[in-house]
Amino acid sequence: MYRGGLRRGSILRKDEGSALGRVSRSRRLPVAKALRLFASFDKIYKGWVMAKLPVAEGYEEFLGELKERIKQAQVRAVLAVNRELILLYWQIGRDILLRQQQQG
């Protein structure tokens, strides 16, 4: 067993027989497998919820509008961050150039 901490591409999970939630032995679960398991559980859960709950009229359209607003806000946030970083880098470059001119 690998004892040097987490390896890239794996996560730790507790053994089911451990007392009081303490980890007696750790087994590694590859991240890809964990994601596949999560996706299958998510699909089952969504299917169960959609089968049990009636969908309100206009819900699909409302949900689509919300998703679009979220995407637009994310794009605006990314653009704002990029703008600030470009200004910062430009100012740093200007400061370096001024200092080089002053000190030779």
C-alpha atoms as a PDB file:
ATOM      1  CA  MET A   1       0.000   0.000   0.000  1.00  0.00           C
ATOM      2  CA  TYR A   2       1.214   3.500  -0.807  1.00  0.00           C
ATOM      3  CA  ARG A   3       1.856   5.419   2.437  1.00  0.00           C
ATOM      4  CA  GLY A   4       3.270   8.717   1.193  1.00  0.00           C
ATOM      5  CA  GLY A   5      -0.013  10.602   1.186  1.00  0.00           C
ATOM      6  CA  LEU A   6      -2.435  11.053  -1.668  1.00  0.00           C
ATOM      7  CA  ARG A   7      -1.297  10.077  -5.085  1.00  0.00           C
ATOM      8  CA  ARG A   8      -2.403  12.090  -8.061  1.00  0.00           C
ATOM      9  CA  GLY A   9      -5.707  10.792  -9.426  1.00  0.00           C
ATOM     10  CA  SER A  10      -6.983   9.034  -6.303  1.00  0.00           C
ATOM     11  CA  ILE A  11      -9.055   9.826  -3.248  1.00  0.00           C
ATOM     12  CA  LEU A  12      -9.215   8.156   0.135  1.00  0.00           C
ATOM     13  CA  ARG A  13     -12.303   6.536   1.510  1.00  0.00           C
ATOM     14  CA  LYS A  14     -12.972   5.058   4.937  1.00  0.00           C
ATOM     15  CA  ASP A  15     -13.362   1.348   5.421  1.00  0.00           C
ATOM     16  CA  GLU A  16     -16.898   0.499   6.381  1.00  0.00           C
ATOM     17  CA  GLY A  17     -15.899  -1.520   9.458  1.00  0.00           C
ATOM     18  CA  SER A  18     -14.068   1.288  11.246  1.00  0.00           C
ATOM     19  CA  ALA A  19     -15.205   2.139  14.782  1.00  0.00           C
ATOM     20  CA  LEU A  20     -16.498   5.636  15.568  1.00  0.00           C
ATOM     21  CA  GLY A  21     -15.638   6.870  12.101  1.00  0.00           C
ATOM     22  CA  ARG A  22     -11.889   6.399  12.560  1.00  0.00           C
ATOM     23  CA  VAL A  23      -9.989   5.251   9.534  1.00  0.00           C
ATOM     24  CA  SER A  24      -8.582   1.814  10.219  1.00  0.00           C
ATOM     25  CA  ARG A  25      -7.278   1.240   6.720  1.00  0.00           C
ATOM     26  CA  SER A  26      -7.552   3.479   3.704  1.00  0.00           C
ATOM     27  CA  ARG A  27      -8.249   2.186   0.261  1.00  0.00           C
ATOM     28  CA  ARG A  28      -7.742   4.286  -2.793  1.00  0.00           C
ATOM     29  CA  LEU A  29     -10.610   4.948  -5.144  1.00  0.00           C
ATOM     30  CA  PRO A  30      -9.532   6.352  -8.510  1.00  0.00           C
ATOM     31  CA  VAL A  31     -11.040   9.762  -9.178  1.00  0.00           C
ATOM     32  CA  ALA A  32     -12.441   8.667 -12.532  1.00  0.00           C
ATOM     33  CA  LYS A  33     -14.261   5.763 -10.882  1.00  0.00           C
ATOM     34  CA  ALA A  34     -15.565   8.033  -8.119  1.00  0.00           C
ATOM     35  CA  LEU A  35     -16.893  10.464 -10.738  1.00  0.00           C
ATOM     36  CA  ARG A  36     -18.594   7.632 -12.641  1.00  0.00           C
ATOM     37  CA  LEU A  37     -20.227   6.422  -9.423  1.00  0.00           C
ATOM     38  CA  PHE A  38     -21.391   9.926  -8.594  1.00  0.00           C
ATOM     39  CA  ALA A  39     -22.803  10.393 -12.106  1.00  0.00           C
ATOM     40  CA  SER A  40     -24.759   7.154 -11.879  1.00  0.00           C
ATOM     41  CA  PHE A  41     -26.159   8.070  -8.438  1.00  0.00           C
ATOM     42  CA  ASP A  42     -26.984  11.555  -9.703  1.00  0.00           C
ATOM     43  CA  LYS A  43     -28.829  10.099 -12.689  1.00  0.00           C
ATOM     44  CA  ILE A  44     -30.814   7.725 -10.457  1.00  0.00           C
ATOM     45  CA  TYR A  45     -31.654  10.550  -8.026  1.00  0.00           C
ATOM     46  CA  LYS A  46     -32.789  12.894 -10.801  1.00  0.00           C
ATOM     47  CA  GLY A  47     -34.919  10.144 -12.322  1.00  0.00           C
ATOM     48  CA  TRP A  48     -36.535   9.439  -8.944  1.00  0.00           C
ATOM     49  CA  VAL A  49     -37.220  13.125  -8.253  1.00  0.00           C
ATOM     50  CA  MET A  50     -38.639  13.750 -11.716  1.00  0.00           C
ATOM     51  CA  ALA A  51     -40.832  10.650 -11.434  1.00  0.00           C
ATOM     52  CA  LYS A  52     -42.243  11.722  -8.041  1.00  0.00           C
ATOM     53  CA  LEU A  53     -42.733  15.467  -8.512  1.00  0.00           C
ATOM     54  CA  PRO A  54     -44.994  17.099 -11.081  1.00  0.00           C
ATOM     55  CA  VAL A  55     -43.307  19.803 -13.163  1.00  0.00           C
ATOM     56  CA  ALA A  56     -45.000  23.191 -12.948  1.00  0.00           C
ATOM     57  CA  GLU A  57     -46.103  24.898 -16.125  1.00  0.00           C
ATOM     58  CA  GLY A  58     -43.377  27.160 -17.520  1.00  0.00           C
ATOM     59  CA  TYR A  59     -40.717  25.605 -15.272  1.00  0.00           C
ATOM     60  CA  GLU A  60     -38.456  24.538 -18.143  1.00  0.00           C
ATOM     61  CA  GLU A  61     -38.468  28.065 -19.591  1.00  0.00           C
ATOM     62  CA  PHE A  62     -37.854  29.629 -16.168  1.00  0.00           C
ATOM     63  CA  LEU A  63     -34.974  27.243 -15.496  1.00  0.00           C
ATOM     64  CA  GLY A  64     -33.464  28.000 -18.912  1.00  0.00           C
ATOM     65  CA  GLU A  65     -33.619  31.739 -18.230  1.00  0.00           C
ATOM     66  CA  LEU A  66     -31.930  31.275 -14.843  1.00  0.00           C
ATOM     67  CA  LYS A  67     -29.146  29.213 -16.405  1.00  0.00           C
ATOM     68  CA  GLU A  68     -28.614  31.851 -19.077  1.00  0.00           C
ATOM     69  CA  ARG A  69     -28.402  34.623 -16.468  1.00  0.00           C
ATOM     70  CA  ILE A  70     -25.856  32.599 -14.503  1.00  0.00           C
ATOM     71  CA  LYS A  71     -23.747  32.031 -17.624  1.00  0.00           C
ATOM     72  CA  GLN A  72     -23.857  35.735 -18.515  1.00  0.00           C
ATOM     73  CA  ALA A  73     -22.815  36.701 -14.980  1.00  0.00           C
ATOM     74  CA  GLN A  74     -19.947  34.198 -15.113  1.00  0.00           C
ATOM     75  CA  VAL A  75     -18.736  35.663 -18.409  1.00  0.00           C
ATOM     76  CA  ARG A  76     -18.903  39.203 -16.995  1.00  0.00           C
ATOM     77  CA  ALA A  77     -16.950  38.079 -13.928  1.00  0.00           C
ATOM     78  CA  VAL A  78     -14.246  36.442 -16.062  1.00  0.00           C
ATOM     79  CA  LEU A  79     -13.936  39.560 -18.214  1.00  0.00           C
ATOM     80  CA  ALA A  80     -13.655  41.774 -15.130  1.00  0.00           C
ATOM     81  CA  VAL A  81     -10.954  39.553 -13.639  1.00  0.00           C
ATOM     82  CA  ASN A  82      -9.023  39.504 -16.919  1.00  0.00           C
ATOM     83  CA  ARG A  83      -9.256  43.295 -17.174  1.00  0.00           C
ATOM     84  CA  GLU A  84      -7.894  43.761 -13.661  1.00  0.00           C
ATOM     85  CA  LEU A  85      -5.051  41.301 -14.251  1.00  0.00           C
ATOM     86  CA  ILE A  86      -4.062  42.987 -17.514  1.00  0.00           C
ATOM     87  CA  LEU A  87      -4.019  46.377 -15.756  1.00  0.00           C
ATOM     88  CA  LEU A  88      -1.914  44.935 -12.943  1.00  0.00           C
ATOM     89  CA  TYR A  89       0.603  43.373 -15.342  1.00  0.00           C
ATOM     90  CA  TRP A  90       0.799  46.591 -17.370  1.00  0.00           C
ATOM     91  CA  GLN A  91       1.462  48.628 -14.213  1.00  0.00           C
ATOM     92  CA  ILE A  92       4.118  46.159 -13.060  1.00  0.00           C
ATOM     93  CA  GLY A  93       5.825  46.367 -16.459  1.00  0.00           C
ATOM     94  CA  ARG A  94       5.687  50.171 -16.355  1.00  0.00           C
ATOM     95  CA  ASP A  95       7.181  50.220 -12.843  1.00  0.00           C
ATOM     96  CA  ILE A  96       9.997  47.900 -13.907  1.00  0.00           C
ATOM     97  CA  LEU A  97      10.733  50.056 -16.953  1.00  0.00           C
ATOM     98  CA  LEU A  98      10.810  53.262 -14.870  1.00  0.00           C
ATOM     99  CA  ARG A  99      13.129  51.677 -12.327  1.00  0.00           C
ATOM    100  CA  GLN A 100      15.439  50.426 -15.100  1.00  0.00           C
ATOM    101  CA  GLN A 101      15.581  53.928 -16.596  1.00  0.00           C
ATOM    102  CA  GLN A 102      16.312  55.487 -13.195  1.00  0.00           C
ATOM    103  CA  GLN A 103      18.966  52.989 -12.109  1.00  0.00           C
ATOM    104  CA  GLY A 104      20.470  52.248 -15.476  1.00  0.00           C
END
